[in-house]
Structures are given as C-alpha cells and as structure tokens.
C-alpha cells in the first residue's frame, strides 16, 4: 500500500470515526491503567515520516480492539526507512504515543524521527554517536523518537511522563522526545 503524500485521514480511519460515533456514550476506561491515561475509547495516531514523506492519520483501536489493517499501516510508516524493513510496533508504545498526544490537546501530527531500526541501522548509528544504545528498544519495535512544531520538547516530555508508562527521554538539543514501552523511567535534559 502506498501511503506517500497522504494528507488526510485514511479511509479506514474515516470509517472507524463514523463507527465510533455510535460508541460516544459508552463508558470510558481510560483510567484503568496508567498506560491508557488520556487514550480514551478510541485511539488515533497522526504521524508524518519526514524521511519518506508519508503521512498517516488513523484510528487503530476502538473499544478494546486493535484494528489489524490500521496497525499494518502504522508499522509501514514507522519502518526502518534506510532499508525498508518493517517490524510490528509494540501496541503499548502506540498507546503511549496516542495518550501523550491527547494530553497535549493538539491536532498536529507527530514528526517521526525514528521508529523501528534494523540491527544494521542501529549499528551504523552507534558507530556515529555515543547516544545510541546497543540494545535499543527501537530494535524491538518498542520505541519512537518524535517531534512536534507546536509543542516544545518539555511539553512533549511532560505529556509522555504523565502517562506513567514506559521510558521517556528528553533530547532538547536535538529537539525530540523518545517514548517506549519499557520499564517506567526518564532521562535527558
């Protein structure tokens, strides 16, 4: 599926939004787990991959069920752009991203700096920077490095930290925030 230069919501996302209107009166379980705080009954991701020019605006979860085709689209957009290798992105990471996005109350897409990284890409990046972990969660499809024009690194960091789930790294000088589904921890300045 070619998602390049997509500027609007995907057809699947639009259909999901229509279906979701019937669910609007359903109870919210967003406080059931810290991971879901702010995510709600409908989970949506808006991502722009600046390396490939691809945009994605999709609802990937409705009332307790992940939407398989939407997850496949997310995996494609978050692939290792250097060699086009695709790995399933851990849904816990997607949930953290969606919850943090909701907490920031913005319609802007995340700018994806890095999603999945193949072992070859991670090794190459490690050879160039001491800040790249040998066993990075990016290798497992459990992490994303993200930026937004309308929100500062500090704002994004606070929103992701408020989810009380996973790791949150603040990289102010590089203008991005790392979010992952590993143990709860934080770092950076």
N, C-alpha and C. Protein backbone atom coordinates (compact mmCIF):
# COMPACT_ATOMS: atom_id res chain seq x y z
N UNK A 1 0.84 -1.17 0.00
CA UNK A 1 0.00 0.00 0.00
C UNK A 1 0.88 1.23 0.00
N UNK A 2 0.63 2.15 -0.88
CA UNK A 2 1.41 3.36 -0.96
C UNK A 2 0.72 4.44 -0.15
N UNK A 3 1.37 4.87 0.93
CA UNK A 3 0.78 5.91 1.77
C UNK A 3 1.49 7.24 1.57
N UNK A 4 2.36 7.32 0.57
CA UNK A 4 3.11 8.56 0.37
C UNK A 4 2.19 9.70 -0.01
N UNK A 5 2.53 10.85 0.49
CA UNK A 5 1.80 12.09 0.23
C UNK A 5 0.33 12.05 0.61
N UNK A 6 -0.01 11.24 1.57
CA UNK A 6 -1.37 11.23 2.09
C UNK A 6 -1.49 12.39 3.05
N UNK A 7 -2.47 13.24 2.82
CA UNK A 7 -2.59 14.40 3.70
C UNK A 7 -3.80 14.32 4.62
N UNK A 8 -4.79 13.54 4.24
CA UNK A 8 -5.99 13.46 5.07
C UNK A 8 -6.05 12.17 5.84
N UNK A 9 -7.17 11.97 6.43
CA UNK A 9 -7.41 10.76 7.20
C UNK A 9 -7.58 9.58 6.25
N UNK A 10 -7.12 8.41 6.62
CA UNK A 10 -7.28 7.23 5.77
C UNK A 10 -8.75 6.84 5.71
N UNK A 11 -9.11 6.11 4.66
CA UNK A 11 -10.49 5.65 4.50
C UNK A 11 -10.91 4.82 5.71
N UNK A 12 -10.00 3.92 6.15
CA UNK A 12 -10.28 3.07 7.30
C UNK A 12 -10.49 3.92 8.55
N UNK A 13 -9.66 4.94 8.69
CA UNK A 13 -9.79 5.82 9.84
C UNK A 13 -11.11 6.57 9.83
N UNK A 14 -11.51 7.01 8.63
CA UNK A 14 -12.78 7.72 8.50
C UNK A 14 -13.95 6.79 8.84
N UNK A 15 -13.91 5.56 8.32
CA UNK A 15 -14.97 4.60 8.65
C UNK A 15 -14.99 4.31 10.15
N UNK A 16 -13.78 4.21 10.73
CA UNK A 16 -13.71 3.99 12.17
C UNK A 16 -14.30 5.15 12.95
N UNK A 17 -14.08 6.36 12.46
CA UNK A 17 -14.62 7.54 13.14
C UNK A 17 -16.15 7.52 13.09
N UNK A 18 -16.70 7.14 11.94
CA UNK A 18 -18.15 7.04 11.84
C UNK A 18 -18.68 5.96 12.79
N UNK A 19 -18.00 4.83 12.82
CA UNK A 19 -18.42 3.76 13.73
C UNK A 19 -18.30 4.22 15.18
N UNK A 20 -17.31 5.04 15.45
CA UNK A 20 -17.08 5.49 16.81
C UNK A 20 -18.18 6.41 17.32
N UNK A 21 -18.88 7.07 16.41
CA UNK A 21 -19.94 7.96 16.88
C UNK A 21 -21.01 7.18 17.63
N UNK A 22 -21.19 5.91 17.26
CA UNK A 22 -22.16 5.07 17.96
C UNK A 22 -21.65 4.70 19.35
N UNK A 23 -20.35 4.84 19.56
CA UNK A 23 -19.76 4.45 20.84
C UNK A 23 -19.56 5.63 21.78
N UNK A 24 -19.94 6.81 21.35
CA UNK A 24 -19.64 8.02 22.11
C UNK A 24 -20.21 8.00 23.52
N UNK A 25 -21.33 7.33 23.72
CA UNK A 25 -21.94 7.31 25.04
C UNK A 25 -21.42 6.18 25.92
N UNK A 26 -20.54 5.36 25.38
CA UNK A 26 -20.00 4.23 26.15
C UNK A 26 -19.11 4.73 27.28
N UNK A 27 -19.00 3.96 28.36
CA UNK A 27 -18.14 4.38 29.48
C UNK A 27 -16.67 4.40 29.08
N UNK A 28 -15.93 5.28 29.70
CA UNK A 28 -14.50 5.39 29.43
C UNK A 28 -13.72 4.61 30.46
N UNK A 29 -12.78 3.80 29.99
CA UNK A 29 -11.92 3.02 30.86
C UNK A 29 -10.51 3.58 30.85
N UNK A 30 -10.36 4.84 30.51
CA UNK A 30 -9.03 5.43 30.33
C UNK A 30 -8.21 5.46 31.61
N UNK A 31 -8.84 5.37 32.75
CA UNK A 31 -8.07 5.38 34.00
C UNK A 31 -7.80 3.98 34.55
N UNK A 32 -8.15 2.95 33.77
CA UNK A 32 -7.95 1.59 34.24
C UNK A 32 -6.47 1.28 34.45
N UNK A 33 -5.62 1.77 33.61
CA UNK A 33 -4.19 1.55 33.71
C UNK A 33 -3.48 2.87 33.42
N UNK A 34 -2.35 3.09 34.06
CA UNK A 34 -1.58 4.30 33.79
C UNK A 34 -1.23 4.43 32.32
N UNK A 35 -1.00 3.29 31.67
CA UNK A 35 -0.65 3.27 30.26
C UNK A 35 -1.73 3.92 29.40
N UNK A 36 -2.98 3.78 29.80
CA UNK A 36 -4.08 4.25 28.98
C UNK A 36 -4.57 5.64 29.35
N UNK A 37 -3.99 6.22 30.38
CA UNK A 37 -4.45 7.53 30.83
C UNK A 37 -4.42 8.50 29.66
N UNK A 38 -5.55 9.05 29.33
CA UNK A 38 -5.64 10.02 28.25
C UNK A 38 -5.89 9.40 26.89
N UNK A 39 -5.84 8.07 26.77
CA UNK A 39 -6.00 7.45 25.45
C UNK A 39 -7.47 7.37 25.04
N UNK A 40 -8.37 7.09 25.97
CA UNK A 40 -9.80 7.06 25.67
C UNK A 40 -10.26 5.78 25.02
N UNK A 41 -11.52 5.77 24.58
CA UNK A 41 -12.14 4.59 23.99
C UNK A 41 -11.79 4.44 22.51
N UNK A 42 -11.32 5.50 21.91
CA UNK A 42 -10.89 5.49 20.52
C UNK A 42 -9.46 5.99 20.51
N UNK A 43 -8.56 5.23 19.91
CA UNK A 43 -7.16 5.64 19.88
C UNK A 43 -6.75 5.93 18.45
N UNK A 44 -6.19 7.09 18.30
CA UNK A 44 -5.85 7.59 16.97
C UNK A 44 -4.40 8.03 16.96
N UNK A 45 -3.74 7.81 15.84
CA UNK A 45 -2.37 8.28 15.66
C UNK A 45 -2.29 9.12 14.41
N UNK A 46 -1.57 10.21 14.55
CA UNK A 46 -1.26 11.07 13.42
C UNK A 46 0.25 11.18 13.35
N UNK A 47 0.82 10.64 12.28
CA UNK A 47 2.27 10.58 12.14
C UNK A 47 2.66 11.09 10.76
N UNK A 48 3.72 11.88 10.72
CA UNK A 48 4.33 12.28 9.46
C UNK A 48 5.77 11.79 9.48
N UNK A 49 6.15 10.98 8.50
CA UNK A 49 7.52 10.50 8.38
C UNK A 49 8.24 11.41 7.40
N UNK A 50 9.05 12.31 7.94
CA UNK A 50 9.76 13.28 7.11
C UNK A 50 10.78 12.65 6.18
N UNK A 51 11.27 11.48 6.53
CA UNK A 51 12.27 10.79 5.68
C UNK A 51 11.64 10.24 4.41
N UNK A 52 10.39 9.80 4.50
CA UNK A 52 9.73 9.18 3.34
C UNK A 52 8.63 10.07 2.75
N UNK A 53 8.23 11.10 3.47
CA UNK A 53 7.15 11.96 3.01
C UNK A 53 5.76 11.38 3.25
N UNK A 54 5.68 10.28 3.99
CA UNK A 54 4.40 9.62 4.24
C UNK A 54 3.71 10.21 5.46
N UNK A 55 2.39 10.33 5.33
CA UNK A 55 1.55 10.78 6.44
C UNK A 55 0.53 9.71 6.74
N UNK A 56 0.18 9.62 8.01
CA UNK A 56 -0.83 8.67 8.42
C UNK A 56 -1.69 9.31 9.49
N UNK A 57 -2.98 9.22 9.32
CA UNK A 57 -3.95 9.68 10.31
C UNK A 57 -4.96 8.55 10.41
N UNK A 58 -4.85 7.74 11.46
CA UNK A 58 -5.69 6.55 11.53
C UNK A 58 -6.16 6.26 12.95
N UNK A 59 -7.34 5.72 13.04
CA UNK A 59 -7.84 5.17 14.30
C UNK A 59 -7.39 3.71 14.29
N UNK A 60 -6.63 3.33 15.32
CA UNK A 60 -6.06 1.98 15.34
C UNK A 60 -6.66 1.10 16.45
N UNK A 61 -7.55 1.67 17.26
CA UNK A 61 -8.15 0.93 18.39
C UNK A 61 -9.51 1.52 18.67
N UNK A 62 -10.52 0.67 18.80
CA UNK A 62 -11.86 1.10 19.18
C UNK A 62 -12.39 0.13 20.21
N UNK A 63 -12.80 0.68 21.36
CA UNK A 63 -13.47 -0.09 22.41
C UNK A 63 -12.81 -1.44 22.70
N UNK A 64 -11.53 -1.42 22.96
CA UNK A 64 -10.84 -2.62 23.39
C UNK A 64 -10.28 -3.50 22.30
N UNK A 65 -10.43 -3.11 21.04
CA UNK A 65 -9.93 -3.93 19.94
C UNK A 65 -9.01 -3.14 19.03
N UNK A 66 -7.83 -3.72 18.79
CA UNK A 66 -6.91 -3.12 17.83
C UNK A 66 -7.39 -3.47 16.43
N UNK A 67 -7.21 -2.54 15.50
CA UNK A 67 -7.62 -2.72 14.11
C UNK A 67 -6.40 -3.18 13.32
N UNK A 68 -6.42 -4.43 12.90
CA UNK A 68 -5.26 -5.08 12.28
C UNK A 68 -4.73 -4.29 11.08
N UNK A 69 -5.59 -3.86 10.18
CA UNK A 69 -5.14 -3.15 8.98
C UNK A 69 -4.53 -1.79 9.34
N UNK A 70 -5.08 -1.13 10.33
CA UNK A 70 -4.52 0.16 10.77
C UNK A 70 -3.14 -0.04 11.38
N UNK A 71 -2.96 -1.12 12.15
CA UNK A 71 -1.65 -1.40 12.73
C UNK A 71 -0.63 -1.69 11.63
N UNK A 72 -1.04 -2.38 10.59
CA UNK A 72 -0.13 -2.65 9.46
C UNK A 72 0.32 -1.34 8.81
N UNK A 73 -0.59 -0.38 8.70
CA UNK A 73 -0.23 0.92 8.14
C UNK A 73 0.76 1.65 9.04
N UNK A 74 0.53 1.59 10.35
CA UNK A 74 1.44 2.22 11.31
C UNK A 74 2.82 1.58 11.20
N UNK A 75 2.86 0.25 11.16
CA UNK A 75 4.14 -0.45 11.05
C UNK A 75 4.89 -0.03 9.79
N UNK A 76 4.17 0.15 8.70
CA UNK A 76 4.80 0.56 7.44
C UNK A 76 5.40 1.97 7.56
N UNK A 77 4.64 2.89 8.09
CA UNK A 77 5.12 4.27 8.21
C UNK A 77 6.29 4.36 9.19
N UNK A 78 6.30 3.51 10.22
CA UNK A 78 7.35 3.56 11.24
C UNK A 78 8.50 2.60 10.93
N UNK A 79 8.58 2.08 9.72
CA UNK A 79 9.63 1.13 9.33
C UNK A 79 11.01 1.79 9.32
N UNK A 80 12.03 0.97 9.20
CA UNK A 80 13.41 1.46 9.02
C UNK A 80 13.49 1.98 7.59
N UNK A 81 13.47 3.27 7.43
CA UNK A 81 13.44 3.88 6.10
C UNK A 81 14.73 3.66 5.32
N UNK A 82 15.81 3.33 6.00
CA UNK A 82 17.08 3.14 5.30
C UNK A 82 17.10 1.87 4.46
N UNK A 83 16.38 0.83 4.91
CA UNK A 83 16.38 -0.43 4.17
C UNK A 83 14.97 -1.00 3.97
N UNK A 84 13.95 -0.22 4.32
CA UNK A 84 12.54 -0.59 4.17
C UNK A 84 12.13 -1.83 4.96
N UNK A 85 12.88 -2.21 5.99
CA UNK A 85 12.47 -3.33 6.83
C UNK A 85 11.34 -2.88 7.75
N UNK A 86 10.32 -3.72 7.82
CA UNK A 86 9.14 -3.44 8.63
C UNK A 86 9.12 -4.41 9.81
N UNK A 87 8.79 -3.89 10.97
CA UNK A 87 8.60 -4.72 12.16
C UNK A 87 7.33 -4.23 12.85
N UNK A 88 6.62 -5.13 13.47
CA UNK A 88 5.43 -4.73 14.22
C UNK A 88 5.85 -3.82 15.37
N UNK A 89 5.23 -2.66 15.43
CA UNK A 89 5.50 -1.74 16.52
C UNK A 89 4.62 -2.18 17.69
N UNK A 90 5.23 -2.29 18.85
CA UNK A 90 4.51 -2.73 20.05
C UNK A 90 3.33 -1.79 20.31
N UNK A 91 2.16 -2.36 20.46
CA UNK A 91 0.96 -1.53 20.66
C UNK A 91 1.01 -0.72 21.95
N UNK A 92 1.80 -1.18 22.92
CA UNK A 92 1.94 -0.39 24.15
C UNK A 92 2.62 0.95 23.85
N UNK A 93 3.57 0.94 22.94
CA UNK A 93 4.23 2.19 22.54
C UNK A 93 3.24 3.08 21.81
N UNK A 94 2.44 2.50 20.92
CA UNK A 94 1.43 3.28 20.21
C UNK A 94 0.43 3.90 21.19
N UNK A 95 0.06 3.13 22.22
CA UNK A 95 -0.88 3.64 23.22
C UNK A 95 -0.28 4.82 23.99
N UNK A 96 0.99 4.74 24.31
CA UNK A 96 1.65 5.85 25.00
C UNK A 96 1.68 7.08 24.09
N UNK A 97 2.01 6.85 22.82
CA UNK A 97 2.04 7.97 21.86
C UNK A 97 0.66 8.62 21.75
N UNK A 98 -0.38 7.80 21.64
CA UNK A 98 -1.75 8.33 21.49
C UNK A 98 -2.18 9.07 22.74
N UNK A 99 -1.89 8.50 23.92
CA UNK A 99 -2.29 9.15 25.17
C UNK A 99 -1.56 10.47 25.35
N UNK A 100 -0.26 10.50 25.07
CA UNK A 100 0.50 11.75 25.20
C UNK A 100 -0.03 12.80 24.22
N UNK A 101 -0.36 12.37 23.02
CA UNK A 101 -0.90 13.29 22.01
C UNK A 101 -2.21 13.90 22.50
N UNK A 102 -3.08 13.06 23.06
CA UNK A 102 -4.36 13.57 23.60
C UNK A 102 -4.13 14.56 24.73
N UNK A 103 -3.17 14.28 25.59
CA UNK A 103 -2.89 15.18 26.71
C UNK A 103 -2.36 16.53 26.24
N UNK A 104 -1.71 16.56 25.09
CA UNK A 104 -1.18 17.83 24.57
C UNK A 104 -2.25 18.64 23.85
N UNK A 105 -3.42 18.05 23.62
CA UNK A 105 -4.55 18.77 23.03
C UNK A 105 -4.14 19.52 21.76
N UNK A 106 -3.66 18.78 20.78
CA UNK A 106 -3.27 19.37 19.51
C UNK A 106 -3.76 18.49 18.37
N UNK A 107 -3.94 19.07 17.21
CA UNK A 107 -4.31 18.30 16.03
C UNK A 107 -3.09 18.02 15.15
N UNK A 108 -1.96 18.55 15.52
CA UNK A 108 -0.74 18.36 14.72
C UNK A 108 -0.27 16.91 14.77
N UNK A 109 0.24 16.44 13.67
CA UNK A 109 0.83 15.10 13.61
C UNK A 109 2.18 15.08 14.31
N UNK A 110 2.54 13.92 14.82
CA UNK A 110 3.91 13.71 15.28
C UNK A 110 4.81 13.69 14.05
N UNK A 111 5.98 14.28 14.15
CA UNK A 111 7.01 14.12 13.15
C UNK A 111 7.88 12.96 13.64
N UNK A 112 7.90 11.87 12.89
CA UNK A 112 8.66 10.68 13.28
C UNK A 112 10.13 10.89 12.92
N UNK A 113 10.99 10.84 13.93
CA UNK A 113 12.43 10.90 13.73
C UNK A 113 12.96 9.49 13.55
N UNK A 114 12.51 8.57 14.41
CA UNK A 114 12.95 7.18 14.33
C UNK A 114 11.91 6.28 14.95
N UNK A 115 11.55 5.23 14.25
CA UNK A 115 10.66 4.19 14.77
C UNK A 115 11.46 2.91 14.89
N UNK A 116 11.08 1.91 14.09
CA UNK A 116 11.84 0.67 14.08
C UNK A 116 13.22 0.92 13.47
N UNK A 117 14.24 0.28 14.06
CA UNK A 117 15.59 0.30 13.50
C UNK A 117 16.07 -1.13 13.34
N UNK A 118 16.54 -1.47 12.16
CA UNK A 118 17.12 -2.79 11.94
C UNK A 118 18.46 -2.86 12.68
N UNK A 119 18.97 -4.07 12.94
CA UNK A 119 20.27 -4.19 13.58
C UNK A 119 21.38 -3.46 12.80
N UNK A 120 21.32 -3.50 11.47
CA UNK A 120 22.33 -2.83 10.65
C UNK A 120 22.27 -1.32 10.85
N UNK A 121 21.07 -0.76 10.84
CA UNK A 121 20.93 0.68 11.04
C UNK A 121 21.36 1.09 12.44
N UNK A 122 20.97 0.31 13.44
CA UNK A 122 21.35 0.65 14.81
C UNK A 122 22.87 0.62 14.97
N UNK A 123 23.54 -0.38 14.37
CA UNK A 123 25.00 -0.48 14.45
C UNK A 123 25.66 0.73 13.76
N UNK A 124 25.14 1.12 12.62
CA UNK A 124 25.67 2.28 11.91
C UNK A 124 25.51 3.55 12.75
N UNK A 125 24.34 3.73 13.35
CA UNK A 125 24.10 4.92 14.17
C UNK A 125 24.99 4.90 15.42
N UNK A 126 25.19 3.72 16.02
CA UNK A 126 26.07 3.60 17.19
C UNK A 126 27.50 3.98 16.85
N UNK A 127 27.93 3.67 15.63
CA UNK A 127 29.30 4.00 15.23
C UNK A 127 29.49 5.51 15.08
N UNK A 128 28.39 6.23 14.94
CA UNK A 128 28.43 7.69 14.75
C UNK A 128 28.11 8.49 16.00
N UNK A 129 27.46 7.82 16.99
CA UNK A 129 27.00 8.56 18.17
C UNK A 129 27.05 7.67 19.41
N UNK A 130 27.53 8.24 20.49
CA UNK A 130 27.55 7.50 21.76
C UNK A 130 26.17 7.45 22.40
N UNK A 131 25.20 8.20 21.88
CA UNK A 131 23.86 8.25 22.46
C UNK A 131 22.93 7.16 21.97
N UNK A 132 23.42 6.24 21.12
CA UNK A 132 22.58 5.17 20.59
C UNK A 132 22.87 3.89 21.37
N UNK A 133 21.85 3.33 22.00
CA UNK A 133 22.03 2.14 22.84
C UNK A 133 22.26 0.89 21.99
N UNK A 134 23.14 0.04 22.47
CA UNK A 134 23.44 -1.21 21.77
C UNK A 134 22.20 -2.08 21.66
N UNK A 135 21.43 -2.16 22.73
CA UNK A 135 20.20 -2.95 22.75
C UNK A 135 18.97 -2.05 22.75
N UNK A 136 18.99 -1.08 21.87
CA UNK A 136 17.92 -0.08 21.78
C UNK A 136 16.55 -0.73 21.63
N UNK A 137 15.57 -0.13 22.27
CA UNK A 137 14.19 -0.60 22.13
C UNK A 137 13.67 -0.38 20.71
N UNK A 138 14.34 0.48 19.95
CA UNK A 138 13.98 0.65 18.54
C UNK A 138 14.16 -0.66 17.78
N UNK A 139 15.14 -1.48 18.17
CA UNK A 139 15.41 -2.76 17.51
C UNK A 139 14.25 -3.73 17.67
N UNK A 140 13.48 -3.57 18.74
CA UNK A 140 12.37 -4.47 19.04
C UNK A 140 11.03 -3.90 18.57
N UNK A 141 11.04 -2.72 17.98
CA UNK A 141 9.78 -2.08 17.61
C UNK A 141 9.03 -1.56 18.81
N UNK A 142 9.79 -1.18 19.85
CA UNK A 142 9.17 -0.74 21.11
C UNK A 142 9.41 0.74 21.40
N UNK A 143 9.90 1.51 20.42
CA UNK A 143 10.24 2.90 20.72
C UNK A 143 9.99 3.80 19.51
N UNK A 144 9.81 5.07 19.82
CA UNK A 144 9.68 6.09 18.78
C UNK A 144 10.34 7.37 19.27
N UNK A 145 11.05 8.03 18.37
CA UNK A 145 11.59 9.36 18.63
C UNK A 145 10.73 10.32 17.84
N UNK A 146 10.18 11.32 18.53
CA UNK A 146 9.14 12.17 17.95
C UNK A 146 9.39 13.64 18.20
N UNK A 147 8.84 14.46 17.33
CA UNK A 147 8.95 15.91 17.44
C UNK A 147 7.61 16.51 17.02
N UNK A 148 7.34 17.72 17.51
CA UNK A 148 6.16 18.49 17.08
C UNK A 148 6.58 19.94 16.96
N UNK A 149 6.04 20.61 15.96
CA UNK A 149 6.34 22.04 15.80
C UNK A 149 5.60 22.89 16.81
N UNK A 150 4.38 22.46 17.17
CA UNK A 150 3.54 23.28 18.04
C UNK A 150 3.78 23.04 19.53
N UNK A 151 4.61 22.06 19.86
CA UNK A 151 4.88 21.75 21.26
C UNK A 151 6.38 21.65 21.48
N UNK A 152 6.82 22.14 22.62
CA UNK A 152 8.24 22.07 22.95
C UNK A 152 8.61 20.67 23.41
N UNK A 153 9.89 20.39 23.44
CA UNK A 153 10.37 19.12 23.96
C UNK A 153 9.89 18.95 25.40
N UNK A 154 9.94 20.03 26.19
CA UNK A 154 9.50 19.96 27.59
C UNK A 154 8.01 19.60 27.68
N UNK A 155 7.18 20.18 26.83
CA UNK A 155 5.74 19.88 26.84
C UNK A 155 5.49 18.42 26.45
N UNK A 156 6.17 17.97 25.41
CA UNK A 156 6.00 16.57 24.98
C UNK A 156 6.48 15.61 26.06
N UNK A 157 7.60 15.95 26.68
CA UNK A 157 8.17 15.13 27.75
C UNK A 157 7.20 15.02 28.93
N UNK A 158 6.61 16.15 29.34
CA UNK A 158 5.66 16.14 30.45
C UNK A 158 4.42 15.31 30.10
N UNK A 159 3.93 15.43 28.87
CA UNK A 159 2.74 14.66 28.48
C UNK A 159 3.03 13.16 28.48
N UNK A 160 4.17 12.76 27.91
CA UNK A 160 4.52 11.34 27.88
C UNK A 160 4.77 10.82 29.30
N UNK A 161 5.42 11.61 30.13
CA UNK A 161 5.69 11.21 31.51
C UNK A 161 4.39 11.06 32.30
N UNK A 162 3.40 11.89 32.02
CA UNK A 162 2.12 11.83 32.72
C UNK A 162 1.38 10.51 32.45
N UNK A 163 1.74 9.81 31.40
CA UNK A 163 1.11 8.52 31.10
C UNK A 163 1.57 7.45 32.08
N UNK A 164 2.65 7.71 32.81
CA UNK A 164 3.18 6.78 33.82
C UNK A 164 3.37 5.38 33.25
N UNK A 165 3.92 5.33 32.05
CA UNK A 165 4.17 4.04 31.38
C UNK A 165 5.37 4.17 30.47
N UNK A 166 6.32 3.25 30.60
CA UNK A 166 7.44 3.21 29.67
C UNK A 166 8.51 4.25 29.95
N UNK A 167 9.45 4.30 29.03
CA UNK A 167 10.56 5.23 29.13
C UNK A 167 10.30 6.49 28.34
N UNK A 168 10.74 7.60 28.91
CA UNK A 168 10.59 8.89 28.24
C UNK A 168 11.94 9.60 28.31
N UNK A 169 12.50 9.88 27.15
CA UNK A 169 13.76 10.58 27.07
C UNK A 169 13.60 11.95 26.46
N UNK A 170 14.24 12.93 27.06
CA UNK A 170 14.15 14.32 26.59
C UNK A 170 15.49 14.66 25.94
N UNK A 171 15.45 15.01 24.66
CA UNK A 171 16.64 15.38 23.89
C UNK A 171 16.44 16.81 23.37
N UNK A 172 16.59 17.76 24.28
CA UNK A 172 16.30 19.15 23.97
C UNK A 172 17.19 19.69 22.85
N UNK A 173 18.49 19.41 22.91
CA UNK A 173 19.39 19.96 21.90
C UNK A 173 19.13 19.37 20.51
N UNK A 174 18.58 18.17 20.44
CA UNK A 174 18.23 17.56 19.16
C UNK A 174 16.75 17.73 18.82
N UNK A 175 15.99 18.34 19.73
CA UNK A 175 14.58 18.67 19.52
C UNK A 175 13.70 17.45 19.27
N UNK A 176 13.79 16.46 20.14
CA UNK A 176 12.85 15.34 20.05
C UNK A 176 12.69 14.68 21.41
N UNK A 177 11.61 13.87 21.51
CA UNK A 177 11.32 13.10 22.72
C UNK A 177 11.26 11.63 22.32
N UNK A 178 11.87 10.80 23.13
CA UNK A 178 11.84 9.34 22.95
C UNK A 178 10.72 8.80 23.83
N UNK A 179 9.88 7.93 23.27
CA UNK A 179 8.84 7.24 24.03
C UNK A 179 8.97 5.75 23.76
N UNK A 180 8.95 4.94 24.83
CA UNK A 180 8.99 3.49 24.64
C UNK A 180 8.13 2.80 25.69
N UNK A 181 7.92 1.50 25.48
CA UNK A 181 7.05 0.73 26.37
C UNK A 181 7.84 -0.12 27.36
N UNK A 182 9.09 0.22 27.59
CA UNK A 182 9.90 -0.50 28.57
C UNK A 182 9.51 -0.10 29.98
N UNK A 183 10.38 -0.41 30.96
CA UNK A 183 10.11 -0.02 32.34
C UNK A 183 9.95 1.50 32.47
N UNK A 184 9.15 1.92 33.43
CA UNK A 184 8.94 3.35 33.66
C UNK A 184 10.26 3.97 34.13
N UNK A 185 10.72 4.96 33.36
CA UNK A 185 11.97 5.66 33.67
C UNK A 185 12.00 6.91 32.81
N UNK A 186 12.89 7.83 33.17
CA UNK A 186 13.04 9.05 32.37
C UNK A 186 14.49 9.49 32.41
N UNK A 187 14.88 10.27 31.40
CA UNK A 187 16.24 10.76 31.31
C UNK A 187 16.28 11.97 30.38
N UNK A 188 17.41 12.63 30.37
CA UNK A 188 17.65 13.73 29.44
C UNK A 188 17.47 15.10 30.05
N UNK A 189 17.80 16.06 29.23
CA UNK A 189 17.67 17.46 29.65
C UNK A 189 17.24 18.33 28.51
